[in-house]
Structures are given as C-alpha cells and as structure tokens.
Amino acid sequence: MVIWLKDNESIVRWFQVLLQHFRNAVVMLTCEICSEEIMLEEDMKTHILLSHLENDVHCPLCSLSGVSCDELAFHISIAHPESCSQPQSSPHTSSGVPCTTITSFTDGKEPQAASGCSTERDAAPFGSHSVSFPPQECNHAISMPSEVVLTSEVNPATSSTPESPHPEQDVTGVPKQIAAKQKPLSSPKNERFSCPMCALVFSSSLILQEHVELHLQDHHPARQDEALECPLCPVVCIDSASLQQHVELHLDSGAGSSESDETLAWRLQQEMEKKRKVEESRLEREEFKKLQRQFGLDGSGGYRSQMERTMARDVARGVLAPAEYHCKRVELLESLASGVDDGRTRTQGVMAALYEYYQIECRECVHVWLSADTDHYCSSTGDKGWGCGYRNFQMLLSSLLRIEMYAPSFPDKVVPSIPHVQGLIEEAWRAGLDPQGASHFNHRLQGTRAWIGATEIYVLLTSLGFSGRIIDFHQPTGSGGTHPQLFEWVREYFNQSRWISKLTPRLIQTSLPPLYLQHQGHSRSIVGLEQRKNGSLCLLILDPGISSSDTRKLMSSDTMAVAMRQVRKLPGSLKHLQYQVVAVEGMLSNDEREIHILNSRILCAEKIP
C-alpha cells in the first residue's frame, strides 16, 4: 500500500497516528515484586537483577525481609491473600483474566521463558499491519535466574464463600496459586521431567518412570538363579516379589483367626523338628560309618584278605617275587585251615633274657618281679593296625601253656591263629556270654578287622574254663594324669607268696601269667615290675607293636640296654584317661562256669578307686 503526502502537515499527522498505533501495540511489563512498569524485557531482567536479586528482598506489604524471591512470592500468596484477590491497577491486565508469570532456570544457559505467550513484537515485525493480540489477553513472560515462580491474580467478582469451594481452589480449600507453588504449572507440551538419579530430562512421566525402574534394576538385580524358600511352608519362589506375595497370602489367610495362627505355628514347629531329626539321623549314620571303618566293621575283609592284598602289592612293587608270593599264599591257606598260628611273628626266650639281665645289671632296683615264661607275638601284614588284642591273647596263652596249673586245658599245646581266635569268641557268644558285646559286633568277627578289648578277652578265657577278673582304673589317681594305684595293684599281684618259685633278695621269678593291659586304641602285656631304691615303680611291658627284630635285641648283651627302653614304662609314660587289666586267677568248674555265663549278661568290672 502506497500513501502520498502532499504537505508537511499531513506528514506530521501521519507520524502521530503511527506513533499512537505503536504505543497501543506495545505491551508494558510489570514487575511482580514492586509493580514497576518496564517496556523492554531486557530492561526487566536488569531491573530484577539490580533491584531485587542483588539487594535485600523484602515484602512490600509487611516487614518481612532477607528471603529469596520464591519465598517472598509464597509468603505473599499465603500471608496476604487479599492482595492477590484484588485486580492490578495496571492498564495492561484484564480484570477478568488472571495475569500469570512463569519463569524457569536452566543450568548453564541464560534464563528462558517457560510460557508459550509472546508479545506483538515477537509476533510480527515493526510496521506490519497484521493484527496483534490485545495486551490483556496474553501472559507476560519474564525470565528470572531462579526456580519456577507462579503468582496469580484472582478476580474478586468470581470469589466464593468458604462454605462453597472457589473454582480457583482445590477440594481441600487451598488456593490454587498455593498448590501451584508446591507443584509448578507449565504447558503440557513443554513440561520436562528430570531423573532423580542422573542428569537426563524427559518430556513424559511414563518415560521417566521406565527410566527410573531401569536404575532400580541395575542397583538391585534380581537373582533368578537363587531359590527363595517360604519361611512358613516348603514352597520355593523364584524371586523376592513372588515370595512376598506368597507370604502375604499366608498372613491374609491367618488374619483374624487365632486358631489358624496356632495351627500354623504348630505346623512350623513340626517341620523344624522333622528337619532336625533328619539332620541328626544323617550325622549319626556318618559317624557310625566312620566308627565302622575305624574298628574294622565296614566289611572290607579280615586277616586273609588283608594278607593277600599286602602280598599282591609287594609283588607289584617288585619287593616280592611271584613265586614267593604263591608259596606264602599256600602257607597262609594251610595255617587258616589248621587254625594254628604259623609262628612267623613269635619271639621265644624273652623272659629268660630279662632274668639274666637283672641278675647282672640294674643294681639300683630293690626288687624285680617277673611273670612266667612268655613268648612275644608282634603284628603281621595280615593284622597290622587292628590285631593287637589277638596278639596279646596269644602272649597270655603261650604263658598259660607253660604253667602246670593251666597246661592240662590245652593238650595240643598250640597257639591258635587270629581267625581261629575270632571263631572261639563267636562260640563264646553263642554260649550266652556277654550278649551286649556280641550285639555290638553283630555276633560276627571272622572275616572282619574288628578290634577287641578287655571284655572279649574275659569272654574268651571264661569259655575256655579260666577264672578271670577285669579291673578298671577308670580315672587318674596321681598328679599329671598318672595312675599310681595301677602300679600298686600290679605289685600286689606279683607279690603273692604262693606263686613265687624262685626267691632272691632282689630278683623274684613267679609262676604267674602276664596281665592283659587295655587302654584307648591299644593293648599290651605286663610281664614284670621293678621297685627301685627311691620307692618308684616301673612296669615291664611287651608290646605287639614292636617288631620281632627289635624284640630279639633283648637276647644280645650289646643291644640289651637299648632294647630295655621299650620294655620299661614309668608312671609318667602311662597317662591315658582309663586303663583296664585282665588277670587270670585259676580254673573254673562247670558250675562256676555257668555262673560266670549268667553274670556276664550284665558284665561289670571292678573299679579302682
């Protein structure tokens, strides 16, 4: 459009109209804190920064000061609601439309307006003839370097009484501008949601929720491979959420019923008791298997099988020739068939060597008591680790065969082999001796590596017609865990005058059989006793754990002193908690034997002290 101006007056009139039009189009900005009107947005920023942010912010309606702009706006909306309900006197706001100011602050950027409204300057360039919005129909966007601040003006004409909630109030009666202070309002298109765990910003609350759930899954990963057992029943859940729902079902079903709670508690107690019994039964079976292996009752074979395995291992190592292996195996089978010991582990002449030694040496002894002649039997490859009880019985029997009182009971005068001794004990059990001990071994010894103790030796002697006693030294009677009463009892046993055959002032040779000495895990034979000048006592013991080669050192004067170290046992060397001694004290008649069989149903030992 072209306008022709003919004179100066027309030009002046035109510029006046144009200036008036420009003034009407310009929207004046009003400071929400001090109500000062400013034309340009840049000037408003400068005004707020210099007048309000850098200076002390104070309430224009009361004496409140020293607060931030956000706190001041919230204070005005709460403490001075009447000022918010009155219309502004500014000509640039409408009485019917609230004027809302929304500002936002972005880290690292200049303050930006959060609202979508704009003035005519933003809508069209200067001088354009396009129609602009009236000033009273737009919201004025003011950028402030602070959090979102919302203030509203309410038209008093639309205000309501306290009895009826105002349209600008929520159901609790709180003005919406206060609720808006607690939850900033913004355009749904421009609303942003920040993640509380990282710096990401989202435009939708649903996307934010999914993002936060990913954070929670990263921090608390679900362990799918771990089974979670319900504490109230045997059900196993795959994750914690399923377990929680399952337990809640338990609680809901039992809520309000004391009887169901008692039933549930009783059931839980029964399940715990059942689990405890199962665990105890399992541990008991394991311990029983260990004891079976320890005492040779695990069915791994007896004397013959152990001997054959040992010889086969020696052949594999090259220690034993195959021809020699077959020869020894034939001799083993012959010995087992005859029931007589092959004598490979026997050492004779031990007591004669001790008698000669004490006649010449050991002048510090006041008295020395020796038992009747006894052979030493040591363990072999067939009974190594478990045959000490049988070997001590062979020592005792070798002495009884030489004593005139006991010799008639053994016309063959042979010492049985270990398998044959096992068979003799089984016959004694079948005769009714010691039923409790028989049940412990399941009435079977042959073909096993079972250990025997003092009660089995007593049963064997009784079945053969010998009168025996079991003396139990069940606790230490001296300092340091020693058993001085055991030594005193042995001295009284050997000091029986009617059994003394050779009497000298110092050396006493008796016709008494040796004593069977049992303690935890091992047994030995007592063949004599020393009494020294200082009054101390020393036992003379033959140990089946000593090899035949070491025992033969007693026969030589050169090695006699060294070999005696293994025979002498002072009180300080016998410190086991308990010792049992089996002594033979004569023969039994048939009636006495039957009485001993009846008394063995509850076998008791003589306890000292």
Foldseek 3Di string as FASTA:
>chain_A
DDDDDDDPVSVVVVVVVLVVVVVQQFAWDADPQPRDTHGDLVVVAVCCVVPPVVDWRAHPVDGRIDDHPLVNLLCCVPVPVVVQADDDPDPLADLADKAKEWWAADPPDFTDFQAPWDGVVVVDPPPDPDDTDGSHPTHDYHYDNDHIHIGIHHRPVQDDDQVDAGPQADPVNDGVNNVCSVPPDGDLQRDWDAAPVDGDIDSDVVVSVVVVVVVVCVVPPWDQVDWDAALQDRDTDRTDVVNVVVVVVLCVVCPPPPVSVVVSVVVSVVVVVVVVVVVVVVVVVVVVCVVCVLQFNNLPWALLVQVLVVLVVCCVVVNDPPVRSVVVNVVVVVLVVVQFDPCPQKDFDLQVLVVVCVVVDDPQFQAKEFEAGWIQGADDSRQPQACQVLRQLLRLLLLLCVFPQRVVLPPVSTRGDPLSLQVLLLVLVVVQFQVVVCVVSVSHDHTTNGHDDDSSSCSSCLVSFFDKAKEKAQADDDPPQFNVVVQVVVVVVRPDVVQFDDDDSHYTYGHFGWKWKDDPSHIWTFGMKTQGPVGFIKTFIRGSNDGPVLSCLSVDPVSVVVSSVVGIDGRVNPRGGMMMIMGTDHGHDPVRSVVNSVCSNPDDHHYDD
